[in-house]
Amino acid sequence: MNNDTNQYESGRRFSFAHELCHLLHDRSYGVELAMATGPWAPRDLEKRANAFAAMFIMPTDLVRTLFGEVTNDRPNIQDVLDMAATMKTSIIGLIDHLHNLGLIDDAKRERLRETAATPSR
């Protein structure tokens, strides 16, 4: 768990959920190959663990409930910040999760990601 995002509570929560997926679903695979998680780990296992972690810390029903509270051309970055604070998750992780759940399209995802990455002035 040497990821830079682990310096934040939201990053640690995601990493713990990610590793929980490996413990629950990948035990026999890891033992068989003596595999350690990292950039060298099989991509499909890592993608599944990331999806599991996202669903674990940002359950679909909660996300849909929070998302249902926004209106019009939203969510805007403030909506995403509020939702991320409520769920104690990262902003980028939430934006990607909203996209993966089909709640925002590609263009909205990119706009939100760009806004989130831009330092406040």
PDB file of N, CA and C in Angstrom:
ATOM      1  N   MET A   1       0.827  -1.181   0.000  1.00  0.00           N
ATOM      2  CA  MET A   1       0.000   0.000   0.000  1.00  0.00           C
ATOM      3  C   MET A   1       0.876   1.250   0.000  1.00  0.00           C
ATOM      4  N   ASN A   2       1.797   1.298  -0.944  1.00  0.00           N
ATOM      5  CA  ASN A   2       2.726   2.413  -1.037  1.00  0.00           C
ATOM      6  C   ASN A   2       2.235   3.521  -1.958  1.00  0.00           C
ATOM      7  N   ASN A   3       0.972   3.526  -2.293  1.00  0.00           N
ATOM      8  CA  ASN A   3       0.411   4.523  -3.184  1.00  0.00           C
ATOM      9  C   ASN A   3       0.394   5.892  -2.507  1.00  0.00           C
ATOM     10  N   ASP A   4       0.725   6.941  -3.262  1.00  0.00           N
ATOM     11  CA  ASP A   4       0.738   8.310  -2.718  1.00  0.00           C
ATOM     12  C   ASP A   4      -0.599   8.719  -2.126  1.00  0.00           C
ATOM     13  N   THR A   5      -1.691   8.197  -2.673  1.00  0.00           N
ATOM     14  CA  THR A   5      -3.011   8.598  -2.166  1.00  0.00           C
ATOM     15  C   THR A   5      -3.268   8.079  -0.753  1.00  0.00           C
ATOM     16  N   ASN A   6      -2.451   7.154  -0.280  1.00  0.00           N
ATOM     17  CA  ASN A   6      -2.646   6.603   1.057  1.00  0.00           C
ATOM     18  C   ASN A   6      -2.270   7.570   2.171  1.00  0.00           C
ATOM     19  N   GLN A   7      -1.740   8.729   1.815  1.00  0.00           N
ATOM     20  CA  GLN A   7      -1.497   9.741   2.839  1.00  0.00           C
ATOM     21  C   GLN A   7      -2.811  10.388   3.278  1.00  0.00           C
ATOM     22  N   TYR A   8      -3.884  10.147   2.524  1.00  0.00           N
ATOM     23  CA  TYR A   8      -5.206  10.692   2.834  1.00  0.00           C
ATOM     24  C   TYR A   8      -6.123   9.579   3.322  1.00  0.00           C
ATOM     25  N   GLU A   9      -7.045   9.918   4.204  1.00  0.00           N
ATOM     26  CA  GLU A   9      -8.001   8.927   4.704  1.00  0.00           C
ATOM     27  C   GLU A   9      -8.772   8.278   3.556  1.00  0.00           C
ATOM     28  N   SER A  10      -9.207   9.079   2.598  1.00  0.00           N
ATOM     29  CA  SER A  10      -9.981   8.530   1.480  1.00  0.00           C
ATOM     30  C   SER A  10      -9.161   7.521   0.682  1.00  0.00           C
ATOM     31  N   GLY A  11      -7.881   7.781   0.501  1.00  0.00           N
ATOM     32  CA  GLY A  11      -7.017   6.851  -0.215  1.00  0.00           C
ATOM     33  C   GLY A  11      -6.795   5.561   0.559  1.00  0.00           C
ATOM     34  N   ARG A  12      -6.615   5.690   1.874  1.00  0.00           N
ATOM     35  CA  ARG A  12      -6.437   4.497   2.703  1.00  0.00           C
ATOM     36  C   ARG A  12      -7.704   3.645   2.710  1.00  0.00           C
ATOM     37  N   ARG A  13      -8.875   4.277   2.773  1.00  0.00           N
ATOM     38  CA  ARG A  13     -10.132   3.533   2.755  1.00  0.00           C
ATOM     39  C   ARG A  13     -10.264   2.750   1.443  1.00  0.00           C
ATOM     40  N   PHE A  14      -9.922   3.408   0.327  1.00  0.00           N
ATOM     41  CA  PHE A  14     -10.008   2.725  -0.966  1.00  0.00           C
ATOM     42  C   PHE A  14      -9.013   1.565  -1.021  1.00  0.00           C
ATOM     43  N   SER A  15      -7.792   1.805  -0.563  1.00  0.00           N
ATOM     44  CA  SER A  15      -6.771   0.750  -0.592  1.00  0.00           C
ATOM     45  C   SER A  15      -7.169  -0.445   0.270  1.00  0.00           C
ATOM     46  N   PHE A  16      -7.732  -0.188   1.437  1.00  0.00           N
ATOM     47  CA  PHE A  16      -8.171  -1.292   2.299  1.00  0.00           C
ATOM     48  C   PHE A  16      -9.270  -2.100   1.621  1.00  0.00           C
ATOM     49  N   ALA A  17     -10.227  -1.410   1.000  1.00  0.00           N
ATOM     50  CA  ALA A  17     -11.308  -2.120   0.299  1.00  0.00           C
ATOM     51  C   ALA A  17     -10.742  -2.898  -0.897  1.00  0.00           C
ATOM     52  N   HIS A  18      -9.794  -2.313  -1.595  1.00  0.00           N
ATOM     53  CA  HIS A  18      -9.134  -2.970  -2.732  1.00  0.00           C
ATOM     54  C   HIS A  18      -8.454  -4.263  -2.268  1.00  0.00           C
ATOM     55  N   GLU A  19      -7.696  -4.164  -1.179  1.00  0.00           N
ATOM     56  CA  GLU A  19      -6.990  -5.344  -0.664  1.00  0.00           C
ATOM     57  C   GLU A  19      -7.964  -6.371  -0.102  1.00  0.00           C
ATOM     58  N   LEU A  20      -9.089  -5.917   0.449  1.00  0.00           N
ATOM     59  CA  LEU A  20     -10.116  -6.844   0.925  1.00  0.00           C
ATOM     60  C   LEU A  20     -10.625  -7.700  -0.227  1.00  0.00           C
ATOM     61  N   CYS A  21     -10.800  -7.105  -1.379  1.00  0.00           N
ATOM     62  CA  CYS A  21     -11.217  -7.868  -2.553  1.00  0.00           C
ATOM     63  C   CYS A  21     -10.206  -8.964  -2.861  1.00  0.00           C
ATOM     64  N   HIS A  22      -8.934  -8.614  -2.820  1.00  0.00           N
ATOM     65  CA  HIS A  22      -7.910  -9.632  -3.085  1.00  0.00           C
ATOM     66  C   HIS A  22      -7.988 -10.765  -2.047  1.00  0.00           C
ATOM     67  N   LEU A  23      -8.199 -10.411  -0.786  1.00  0.00           N
ATOM     68  CA  LEU A  23      -8.304 -11.442   0.257  1.00  0.00           C
ATOM     69  C   LEU A  23      -9.514 -12.348   0.037  1.00  0.00           C
ATOM     70  N   LEU A  24     -10.625 -11.752  -0.370  1.00  0.00           N
ATOM     71  CA  LEU A  24     -11.857 -12.520  -0.540  1.00  0.00           C
ATOM     72  C   LEU A  24     -11.882 -13.323  -1.834  1.00  0.00           C
ATOM     73  N   HIS A  25     -11.345 -12.758  -2.912  1.00  0.00           N
ATOM     74  CA  HIS A  25     -11.515 -13.372  -4.233  1.00  0.00           C
ATOM     75  C   HIS A  25     -10.254 -13.945  -4.871  1.00  0.00           C
ATOM     76  N   ASP A  26      -9.102 -13.501  -4.442  1.00  0.00           N
ATOM     77  CA  ASP A  26      -7.877 -13.868  -5.149  1.00  0.00           C
ATOM     78  C   ASP A  26      -6.913 -14.699  -4.317  1.00  0.00           C
ATOM     79  N   ARG A  27      -7.368 -15.208  -3.196  1.00  0.00           N
ATOM     80  CA  ARG A  27      -6.477 -15.956  -2.304  1.00  0.00           C
ATOM     81  C   ARG A  27      -5.782 -17.112  -3.004  1.00  0.00           C
ATOM     82  N   SER A  28      -6.551 -17.945  -3.664  1.00  0.00           N
ATOM     83  CA  SER A  28      -5.940 -19.120  -4.280  1.00  0.00           C
ATOM     84  C   SER A  28      -5.003 -18.713  -5.419  1.00  0.00           C
ATOM     85  N   TYR A  29      -5.359 -17.663  -6.142  1.00  0.00           N
ATOM     86  CA  TYR A  29      -4.519 -17.197  -7.241  1.00  0.00           C
ATOM     87  C   TYR A  29      -3.193 -16.677  -6.703  1.00  0.00           C
ATOM     88  N   GLY A  30      -3.256 -15.881  -5.656  1.00  0.00           N
ATOM     89  CA  GLY A  30      -2.044 -15.303  -5.077  1.00  0.00           C
ATOM     90  C   GLY A  30      -1.138 -16.352  -4.467  1.00  0.00           C
ATOM     91  N   VAL A  31      -1.722 -17.340  -3.807  1.00  0.00           N
ATOM     92  CA  VAL A  31      -0.927 -18.398  -3.196  1.00  0.00           C
ATOM     93  C   VAL A  31      -0.245 -19.219  -4.277  1.00  0.00           C
ATOM     94  N   GLU A  32      -1.001 -19.532  -5.325  1.00  0.00           N
ATOM     95  CA  GLU A  32      -0.483 -20.357  -6.410  1.00  0.00           C
ATOM     96  C   GLU A  32       0.736 -19.718  -7.072  1.00  0.00           C
ATOM     97  N   LEU A  33       0.688 -18.405  -7.265  1.00  0.00           N
ATOM     98  CA  LEU A  33       1.779 -17.729  -7.975  1.00  0.00           C
ATOM     99  C   LEU A  33       2.691 -16.925  -7.053  1.00  0.00           C
ATOM    100  N   ALA A  34       2.380 -16.926  -5.756  1.00  0.00           N
ATOM    101  CA  ALA A  34       3.103 -16.082  -4.807  1.00  0.00           C
ATOM    102  C   ALA A  34       3.108 -14.644  -5.295  1.00  0.00           C
ATOM    103  N   MET A  35       1.932 -14.214  -5.737  1.00  0.00           N
ATOM    104  CA  MET A  35       1.778 -12.891  -6.345  1.00  0.00           C
ATOM    105  C   MET A  35       1.613 -11.824  -5.277  1.00  0.00           C
ATOM    106  N   ALA A  36       2.229 -10.694  -5.495  1.00  0.00           N
ATOM    107  CA  ALA A  36       2.015  -9.519  -4.655  1.00  0.00           C
ATOM    108  C   ALA A  36       1.332  -8.472  -5.507  1.00  0.00           C
ATOM    109  N   THR A  37       0.493  -7.695  -4.857  1.00  0.00           N
ATOM    110  CA  THR A  37      -0.188  -6.633  -5.571  1.00  0.00           C
ATOM    111  C   THR A  37       0.809  -5.547  -5.943  1.00  0.00           C
ATOM    112  N   GLY A  38       0.645  -4.991  -7.110  1.00  0.00           N
ATOM    113  CA  GLY A  38       1.515  -3.914  -7.567  1.00  0.00           C
ATOM    114  C   GLY A  38       1.362  -3.761  -9.061  1.00  0.00           C
ATOM    115  N   PRO A  39       2.201  -2.946  -9.677  1.00  0.00           N
ATOM    116  CA  PRO A  39       2.083  -2.711 -11.106  1.00  0.00           C
ATOM    117  C   PRO A  39       2.308  -3.966 -11.940  1.00  0.00           C
ATOM    118  N   TRP A  40       2.929  -4.970 -11.375  1.00  0.00           N
ATOM    119  CA  TRP A  40       3.213  -6.214 -12.082  1.00  0.00           C
ATOM    120  C   TRP A  40       2.074  -7.225 -11.954  1.00  0.00           C
ATOM    121  N   ALA A  41       1.085  -6.940 -11.107  1.00  0.00           N
ATOM    122  CA  ALA A  41      -0.032  -7.860 -10.899  1.00  0.00           C
ATOM    123  C   ALA A  41      -0.919  -7.893 -12.145  1.00  0.00           C
ATOM    124  N   PRO A  42      -1.599  -9.013 -12.371  1.00  0.00           N
ATOM    125  CA  PRO A  42      -2.491  -9.106 -13.539  1.00  0.00           C
ATOM    126  C   PRO A  42      -3.528  -7.987 -13.551  1.00  0.00           C
ATOM    127  N   ARG A  43      -3.639  -7.333 -14.708  1.00  0.00           N
ATOM    128  CA  ARG A  43      -4.507  -6.163 -14.851  1.00  0.00           C
ATOM    129  C   ARG A  43      -5.963  -6.462 -14.507  1.00  0.00           C
ATOM    130  N   ASP A  44      -6.477  -7.605 -14.927  1.00  0.00           N
ATOM    131  CA  ASP A  44      -7.872  -7.937 -14.653  1.00  0.00           C
ATOM    132  C   ASP A  44      -8.147  -8.045 -13.157  1.00  0.00           C
ATOM    133  N   LEU A  45      -7.204  -8.614 -12.412  1.00  0.00           N
ATOM    134  CA  LEU A  45      -7.379  -8.718 -10.965  1.00  0.00           C
ATOM    135  C   LEU A  45      -7.400  -7.336 -10.323  1.00  0.00           C
ATOM    136  N   GLU A  46      -6.537  -6.467 -10.795  1.00  0.00           N
ATOM    137  CA  GLU A  46      -6.482  -5.111 -10.236  1.00  0.00           C
ATOM    138  C   GLU A  46      -7.733  -4.313 -10.588  1.00  0.00           C
ATOM    139  N   LYS A  47      -8.211  -4.461 -11.827  1.00  0.00           N
ATOM    140  CA  LYS A  47      -9.437  -3.762 -12.225  1.00  0.00           C
ATOM    141  C   LYS A  47     -10.619  -4.244 -11.390  1.00  0.00           C
ATOM    142  N   ARG A  48     -10.698  -5.557 -11.162  1.00  0.00           N
ATOM    143  CA  ARG A  48     -11.789  -6.093 -10.356  1.00  0.00           C
ATOM    144  C   ARG A  48     -11.689  -5.577  -8.924  1.00  0.00           C
ATOM    145  N   ALA A  49     -10.487  -5.559  -8.364  1.00  0.00           N
ATOM    146  CA  ALA A  49     -10.302  -5.076  -6.997  1.00  0.00           C
ATOM    147  C   ALA A  49     -10.671  -3.594  -6.891  1.00  0.00           C
ATOM    148  N   ASN A  50     -10.328  -2.807  -7.913  1.00  0.00           N
ATOM    149  CA  ASN A  50     -10.709  -1.387  -7.914  1.00  0.00           C
ATOM    150  C   ASN A  50     -12.223  -1.221  -7.995  1.00  0.00           C
ATOM    151  N   ALA A  51     -12.870  -2.012  -8.842  1.00  0.00           N
ATOM    152  CA  ALA A  51     -14.329  -1.941  -8.964  1.00  0.00           C
ATOM    153  C   ALA A  51     -14.991  -2.356  -7.652  1.00  0.00           C
ATOM    154  N   PHE A  52     -14.493  -3.410  -7.037  1.00  0.00           N
ATOM    155  CA  PHE A  52     -15.005  -3.857  -5.750  1.00  0.00           C
ATOM    156  C   PHE A  52     -14.875  -2.739  -4.714  1.00  0.00           C
ATOM    157  N   ALA A  53     -13.688  -2.137  -4.646  1.00  0.00           N
ATOM    158  CA  ALA A  53     -13.442  -1.072  -3.673  1.00  0.00           C
ATOM    159  C   ALA A  53     -14.384   0.105  -3.894  1.00  0.00           C
ATOM    160  N   ALA A  54     -14.571   0.495  -5.142  1.00  0.00           N
ATOM    161  CA  ALA A  54     -15.478   1.608  -5.443  1.00  0.00           C
ATOM    162  C   ALA A  54     -16.899   1.296  -4.990  1.00  0.00           C
ATOM    163  N   MET A  55     -17.372   0.091  -5.278  1.00  0.00           N
ATOM    164  CA  MET A  55     -18.730  -0.289  -4.877  1.00  0.00           C
ATOM    165  C   MET A  55     -18.843  -0.449  -3.358  1.00  0.00           C
ATOM    166  N   PHE A  56     -17.767  -0.883  -2.729  1.00  0.00           N
ATOM    167  CA  PHE A  56     -17.775  -1.097  -1.287  1.00  0.00           C
ATOM    168  C   PHE A  56     -17.858   0.229  -0.535  1.00  0.00           C
ATOM    169  N   ILE A  57     -17.067   1.222  -0.957  1.00  0.00           N
ATOM    170  CA  ILE A  57     -17.055   2.493  -0.222  1.00  0.00           C
ATOM    171  C   ILE A  57     -18.016   3.531  -0.797  1.00  0.00           C
ATOM    172  N   MET A  58     -18.522   3.276  -2.009  1.00  0.00           N
ATOM    173  CA  MET A  58     -19.502   4.177  -2.636  1.00  0.00           C
ATOM    174  C   MET A  58     -20.659   3.329  -3.179  1.00  0.00           C
ATOM    175  N   PRO A  59     -21.463   2.748  -2.282  1.00  0.00           N
ATOM    176  CA  PRO A  59     -22.537   1.856  -2.741  1.00  0.00           C
ATOM    177  C   PRO A  59     -23.483   2.556  -3.710  1.00  0.00           C
ATOM    178  N   THR A  60     -23.916   1.808  -4.695  1.00  0.00           N
ATOM    179  CA  THR A  60     -24.753   2.361  -5.760  1.00  0.00           C
ATOM    180  C   THR A  60     -25.979   3.079  -5.224  1.00  0.00           C
ATOM    181  N   ASP A  61     -26.681   2.480  -4.264  1.00  0.00           N
ATOM    182  CA  ASP A  61     -27.890   3.123  -3.731  1.00  0.00           C
ATOM    183  C   ASP A  61     -27.580   4.469  -3.098  1.00  0.00           C
ATOM    184  N   LEU A  62     -26.493   4.546  -2.331  1.00  0.00           N
ATOM    185  CA  LEU A  62     -26.105   5.817  -1.706  1.00  0.00           C
ATOM    186  C   LEU A  62     -25.715   6.835  -2.769  1.00  0.00           C
ATOM    187  N   VAL A  63     -24.938   6.418  -3.748  1.00  0.00           N
ATOM    188  CA  VAL A  63     -24.519   7.336  -4.814  1.00  0.00           C
ATOM    189  C   VAL A  63     -25.747   7.855  -5.558  1.00  0.00           C
ATOM    190  N   ARG A  64     -26.670   6.961  -5.905  1.00  0.00           N
ATOM    191  CA  ARG A  64     -27.879   7.388  -6.614  1.00  0.00           C
ATOM    192  C   ARG A  64     -28.725   8.328  -5.763  1.00  0.00           C
ATOM    193  N   THR A  65     -28.796   8.079  -4.466  1.00  0.00           N
ATOM    194  CA  THR A  65     -29.546   8.968  -3.570  1.00  0.00           C
ATOM    195  C   THR A  65     -28.910  10.349  -3.535  1.00  0.00           C
ATOM    196  N   LEU A  66     -27.596  10.390  -3.325  1.00  0.00           N
ATOM    197  CA  LEU A  66     -26.900  11.677  -3.293  1.00  0.00           C
ATOM    198  C   LEU A  66     -26.963  12.366  -4.643  1.00  0.00           C
ATOM    199  N   PHE A  67     -26.808  11.588  -5.713  1.00  0.00           N
ATOM    200  CA  PHE A  67     -26.859  12.148  -7.060  1.00  0.00           C
ATOM    201  C   PHE A  67     -28.252  12.679  -7.362  1.00  0.00           C
ATOM    202  N   GLY A  68     -29.286  12.039  -6.836  1.00  0.00           N
ATOM    203  CA  GLY A  68     -30.662  12.475  -7.059  1.00  0.00           C
ATOM    204  C   GLY A  68     -30.968  13.823  -6.445  1.00  0.00           C
ATOM    205  N   GLU A  69     -30.112  14.256  -5.516  1.00  0.00           N
ATOM    206  CA  GLU A  69     -30.312  15.553  -4.873  1.00  0.00           C
ATOM    207  C   GLU A  69     -29.780  16.709  -5.710  1.00  0.00           C
ATOM    208  N   VAL A  70     -29.028  16.417  -6.776  1.00  0.00           N
ATOM    209  CA  VAL A  70     -28.524  17.471  -7.652  1.00  0.00           C
ATOM    210  C   VAL A  70     -29.486  17.633  -8.825  1.00  0.00           C
ATOM    211  N   THR A  71     -29.525  18.819  -9.393  1.00  0.00           N
ATOM    212  CA  THR A  71     -30.496  19.103 -10.446  1.00  0.00           C
ATOM    213  C   THR A  71     -29.848  19.727 -11.673  1.00  0.00           C
ATOM    214  N   ASN A  72     -30.627  19.839 -12.704  1.00  0.00           N
ATOM    215  CA  ASN A  72     -30.252  20.527 -13.943  1.00  0.00           C
ATOM    216  C   ASN A  72     -28.999  19.962 -14.594  1.00  0.00           C
ATOM    217  N   ASP A  73     -28.049  20.850 -14.896  1.00  0.00           N
ATOM    218  CA  ASP A  73     -26.822  20.469 -15.617  1.00  0.00           C
ATOM    219  C   ASP A  73     -25.747  20.002 -14.642  1.00  0.00           C
ATOM    220  N   ARG A  74     -26.127  19.336 -13.655  1.00  0.00           N
ATOM    221  CA  ARG A  74     -25.198  18.980 -12.607  1.00  0.00           C
ATOM    222  C   ARG A  74     -24.875  17.505 -12.670  1.00  0.00           C
ATOM    223  N   PRO A  75     -23.943  16.989 -11.981  1.00  0.00           N
ATOM    224  CA  PRO A  75     -23.285  17.639 -10.857  1.00  0.00           C
ATOM    225  C   PRO A  75     -22.185  18.592 -11.304  1.00  0.00           C
ATOM    226  N   ASN A  76     -22.021  19.657 -10.557  1.00  0.00           N
ATOM    227  CA  ASN A  76     -20.870  20.521 -10.776  1.00  0.00           C
ATOM    228  C   ASN A  76     -19.803  20.114  -9.767  1.00  0.00           C
ATOM    229  N   ILE A  77     -18.679  20.777  -9.776  1.00  0.00           N
ATOM    230  CA  ILE A  77     -17.574  20.356  -8.918  1.00  0.00           C
ATOM    231  C   ILE A  77     -17.942  20.470  -7.445  1.00  0.00           C
ATOM    232  N   GLN A  78     -18.743  21.463  -7.065  1.00  0.00           N
ATOM    233  CA  GLN A  78     -19.144  21.590  -5.661  1.00  0.00           C
ATOM    234  C   GLN A  78     -20.025  20.419  -5.236  1.00  0.00           C
ATOM    235  N   ASP A  79     -20.918  19.980  -6.134  1.00  0.00           N
ATOM    236  CA  ASP A  79     -21.737  18.799  -5.842  1.00  0.00           C
ATOM    237  C   ASP A  79     -20.854  17.580  -5.602  1.00  0.00           C
ATOM    238  N   VAL A  80     -19.841  17.420  -6.443  1.00  0.00           N
ATOM    239  CA  VAL A  80     -18.932  16.283  -6.316  1.00  0.00           C
ATOM    240  C   VAL A  80     -18.144  16.384  -5.012  1.00  0.00           C
ATOM    241  N   LEU A  81     -17.682  17.576  -4.678  1.00  0.00           N
ATOM    242  CA  LEU A  81     -16.962  17.770  -3.409  1.00  0.00           C
ATOM    243  C   LEU A  81     -17.845  17.397  -2.221  1.00  0.00           C
ATOM    244  N   ASP A  82     -19.102  17.831  -2.259  1.00  0.00           N
ATOM    245  CA  ASP A  82     -20.034  17.527  -1.167  1.00  0.00           C
ATOM    246  C   ASP A  82     -20.302  16.024  -1.067  1.00  0.00           C
ATOM    247  N   MET A  83     -20.518  15.377  -2.217  1.00  0.00           N
ATOM    248  CA  MET A  83     -20.769  13.940  -2.227  1.00  0.00           C
ATOM    249  C   MET A  83     -19.539  13.173  -1.732  1.00  0.00           C
ATOM    250  N   ALA A  84     -18.360  13.584  -2.180  1.00  0.00           N
ATOM    251  CA  ALA A  84     -17.117  12.916  -1.764  1.00  0.00           C
ATOM    252  C   ALA A  84     -16.914  13.072  -0.254  1.00  0.00           C
ATOM    253  N   ALA A  85     -17.206  14.246   0.283  1.00  0.00           N
ATOM    254  CA  ALA A  85     -17.069  14.465   1.725  1.00  0.00           C
ATOM    255  C   ALA A  85     -18.051  13.591   2.502  1.00  0.00           C
ATOM    256  N   THR A  86     -19.266  13.469   2.005  1.00  0.00           N
ATOM    257  CA  THR A  86     -20.271  12.639   2.664  1.00  0.00           C
ATOM    258  C   THR A  86     -19.827  11.183   2.717  1.00  0.00           C
ATOM    259  N   MET A  87     -19.260  10.696   1.606  1.00  0.00           N
ATOM    260  CA  MET A  87     -18.855   9.284   1.539  1.00  0.00           C
ATOM    261  C   MET A  87     -17.403   9.068   1.964  1.00  0.00           C
ATOM    262  N   LYS A  88     -16.699  10.158   2.297  1.00  0.00           N
ATOM    263  CA  LYS A  88     -15.290  10.084   2.691  1.00  0.00           C
ATOM    264  C   LYS A  88     -14.460   9.351   1.633  1.00  0.00           C
ATOM    265  N   THR A  89     -14.628   9.807   0.408  1.00  0.00           N
ATOM    266  CA  THR A  89     -13.893   9.204  -0.701  1.00  0.00           C
ATOM    267  C   THR A  89     -13.194  10.293  -1.496  1.00  0.00           C
ATOM    268  N   SER A  90     -12.370   9.903  -2.442  1.00  0.00           N
ATOM    269  CA  SER A  90     -11.644  10.885  -3.239  1.00  0.00           C
ATOM    270  C   SER A  90     -12.550  11.487  -4.310  1.00  0.00           C
ATOM    271  N   ILE A  91     -12.210  12.676  -4.715  1.00  0.00           N
ATOM    272  CA  ILE A  91     -12.991  13.385  -5.726  1.00  0.00           C
ATOM    273  C   ILE A  91     -12.875  12.679  -7.075  1.00  0.00           C
ATOM    274  N   ILE A  92     -11.653  12.381  -7.485  1.00  0.00           N
ATOM    275  CA  ILE A  92     -11.445  11.712  -8.776  1.00  0.00           C
ATOM    276  C   ILE A  92     -12.079  10.333  -8.768  1.00  0.00           C
ATOM    277  N   GLY A  93     -11.936   9.607  -7.674  1.00  0.00           N
ATOM    278  CA  GLY A  93     -12.563   8.289  -7.561  1.00  0.00           C
ATOM    279  C   GLY A  93     -14.072   8.366  -7.709  1.00  0.00           C
ATOM    280  N   LEU A  94     -14.669   9.372  -7.094  1.00  0.00           N
ATOM    281  CA  LEU A  94     -16.119   9.548  -7.207  1.00  0.00           C
ATOM    282  C   LEU A  94     -16.518   9.921  -8.630  1.00  0.00           C
ATOM    283  N   ILE A  95     -15.775  10.811  -9.250  1.00  0.00           N
ATOM    284  CA  ILE A  95     -16.077  11.205 -10.635  1.00  0.00           C
ATOM    285  C   ILE A  95     -16.043   9.970 -11.541  1.00  0.00           C
ATOM    286  N   ASP A  96     -15.007   9.163 -11.408  1.00  0.00           N
ATOM    287  CA  ASP A  96     -14.907   7.952 -12.225  1.00  0.00           C
ATOM    288  C   ASP A  96     -16.038   6.978 -11.918  1.00  0.00           C
ATOM    289  N   HIS A  97     -16.408   6.884 -10.652  1.00  0.00           N
ATOM    290  CA  HIS A  97     -17.494   5.989 -10.249  1.00  0.00           C
ATOM    291  C   HIS A  97     -18.829   6.469 -10.830  1.00  0.00           C
ATOM    292  N   LEU A  98     -19.078   7.781 -10.785  1.00  0.00           N
ATOM    293  CA  LEU A  98     -20.302   8.326 -11.393  1.00  0.00           C
ATOM    294  C   LEU A  98     -20.363   7.970 -12.874  1.00  0.00           C
ATOM    295  N   HIS A  99     -19.223   8.050 -13.542  1.00  0.00           N
ATOM    296  CA  HIS A  99     -19.147   7.706 -14.961  1.00  0.00           C
ATOM    297  C   HIS A  99     -19.403   6.216 -15.170  1.00  0.00           C
ATOM    298  N   ASN A 100     -18.740   5.386 -14.367  1.00  0.00           N
ATOM    299  CA  ASN A 100     -18.901   3.933 -14.498  1.00  0.00           C
ATOM    300  C   ASN A 100     -20.331   3.478 -14.218  1.00  0.00           C
ATOM    301  N   LEU A 101     -21.041   4.218 -13.368  1.00  0.00           N
ATOM    302  CA  LEU A 101     -22.444   3.901 -13.075  1.00  0.00           C
ATOM    303  C   LEU A 101     -23.398   4.467 -14.129  1.00  0.00           C
ATOM    304  N   GLY A 102     -22.865   5.209 -15.106  1.00  0.00           N
ATOM    305  CA  GLY A 102     -23.689   5.781 -16.170  1.00  0.00           C
ATOM    306  C   GLY A 102     -24.445   7.031 -15.751  1.00  0.00           C
ATOM    307  N   LEU A 103     -24.018   7.664 -14.660  1.00  0.00           N
ATOM    308  CA  LEU A 103     -24.699   8.859 -14.177  1.00  0.00           C
ATOM    309  C   LEU A 103     -24.184  10.139 -14.825  1.00  0.00           C
ATOM    310  N   ILE A 104     -22.970  10.081 -15.365  1.00  0.00           N
ATOM    311  CA  ILE A 104     -22.439  11.208 -16.136  1.00  0.00           C
ATOM    312  C   ILE A 104     -21.795  10.652 -17.397  1.00  0.00           C
ATOM    313  N   ASP A 105     -21.781  11.464 -18.446  1.00  0.00           N
ATOM    314  CA  ASP A 105     -21.198  11.020 -19.719  1.00  0.00           C
ATOM    315  C   ASP A 105     -19.697  11.334 -19.764  1.00  0.00           C
ATOM    316  N   ASP A 106     -19.055  10.935 -20.851  1.00  0.00           N
ATOM    317  CA  ASP A 106     -17.606  11.130 -20.994  1.00  0.00           C
ATOM    318  C   ASP A 106     -17.210  12.595 -20.891  1.00  0.00           C
ATOM    319  N   ALA A 107     -17.966  13.455 -21.551  1.00  0.00           N
ATOM    320  CA  ALA A 107     -17.621  14.881 -21.569  1.00  0.00           C
ATOM    321  C   ALA A 107     -17.711  15.476 -20.158  1.00  0.00           C
ATOM    322  N   LYS A 108     -18.770  15.142 -19.437  1.00  0.00           N
ATOM    323  CA  LYS A 108     -18.937  15.654 -18.076  1.00  0.00           C
ATOM    324  C   LYS A 108     -17.824  15.124 -17.177  1.00  0.00           C
ATOM    325  N   ARG A 109     -17.487  13.859 -17.348  1.00  0.00           N
ATOM    326  CA  ARG A 109     -16.399  13.276 -16.566  1.00  0.00           C
ATOM    327  C   ARG A 109     -15.106  14.047 -16.781  1.00  0.00           C
ATOM    328  N   GLU A 110     -14.761  14.309 -18.029  1.00  0.00           N
ATOM    329  CA  GLU A 110     -13.518  15.029 -18.324  1.00  0.00           C
ATOM    330  C   GLU A 110     -13.547  16.444 -17.764  1.00  0.00           C
ATOM    331  N   ARG A 111     -14.673  17.145 -17.911  1.00  0.00           N
ATOM    332  CA  ARG A 111     -14.772  18.512 -17.365  1.00  0.00           C
ATOM    333  C   ARG A 111     -14.588  18.504 -15.844  1.00  0.00           C
ATOM    334  N   LEU A 112     -15.246  17.573 -15.173  1.00  0.00           N
ATOM    335  CA  LEU A 112     -15.124  17.499 -13.713  1.00  0.00           C
ATOM    336  C   LEU A 112     -13.701  17.131 -13.294  1.00  0.00           C
ATOM    337  N   ARG A 113     -13.086  16.196 -14.004  1.00  0.00           N
ATOM    338  CA  ARG A 113     -11.713  15.806 -13.677  1.00  0.00           C
ATOM    339  C   ARG A 113     -10.753  16.989 -13.865  1.00  0.00           C
ATOM    340  N   GLU A 114     -10.934  17.736 -14.951  1.00  0.00           N
ATOM    341  CA  GLU A 114     -10.080  18.908 -15.195  1.00  0.00           C
ATOM    342  C   GLU A 114     -10.273  19.957 -14.114  1.00  0.00           C
ATOM    343  N   THR A 115     -11.512  20.206 -13.728  1.00  0.00           N
ATOM    344  CA  THR A 115     -11.794  21.191 -12.689  1.00  0.00           C
ATOM    345  C   THR A 115     -11.201  20.740 -11.363  1.00  0.00           C
ATOM    346  N   ALA A 116     -11.331  19.450 -11.051  1.00  0.00           N
ATOM    347  CA  ALA A 116     -10.796  18.931  -9.791  1.00  0.00           C
ATOM    348  C   ALA A 116      -9.275  19.029  -9.747  1.00  0.00           C
ATOM    349  N   ALA A 117      -8.621  18.914 -10.894  1.00  0.00           N
ATOM    350  CA  ALA A 117      -7.161  18.949 -10.951  1.00  0.00           C
ATOM    351  C   ALA A 117      -6.599  20.371 -10.973  1.00  0.00           C
ATOM    352  N   THR A 118      -7.454  21.353 -11.231  1.00  0.00           N
ATOM    353  CA  THR A 118      -7.021  22.743 -11.305  1.00  0.00           C
ATOM    354  C   THR A 118      -6.947  23.336  -9.908  1.00  0.00           C
ATOM    355  N   PRO A 119      -5.781  23.853  -9.527  1.00  0.00           N
ATOM    356  CA  PRO A 119      -5.651  24.473  -8.187  1.00  0.00           C
ATOM    357  C   PRO A 119      -6.594  25.670  -8.045  1.00  0.00           C
ATOM    358  N   SER A 120      -7.122  25.845  -6.847  1.00  0.00           N
ATOM    359  CA  SER A 120      -7.999  27.002  -6.577  1.00  0.00           C
ATOM    360  C   SER A 120      -7.198  28.282  -6.672  1.00  0.00           C
ATOM    361  N   ARG A 121      -7.882  29.325  -7.118  1.00  0.00           N
ATOM    362  CA  ARG A 121      -7.193  30.626  -7.230  1.00  0.00           C
ATOM    363  C   ARG A 121      -7.814  31.599  -6.306  1.00  0.00           C
TER     364      ARG A 121
END
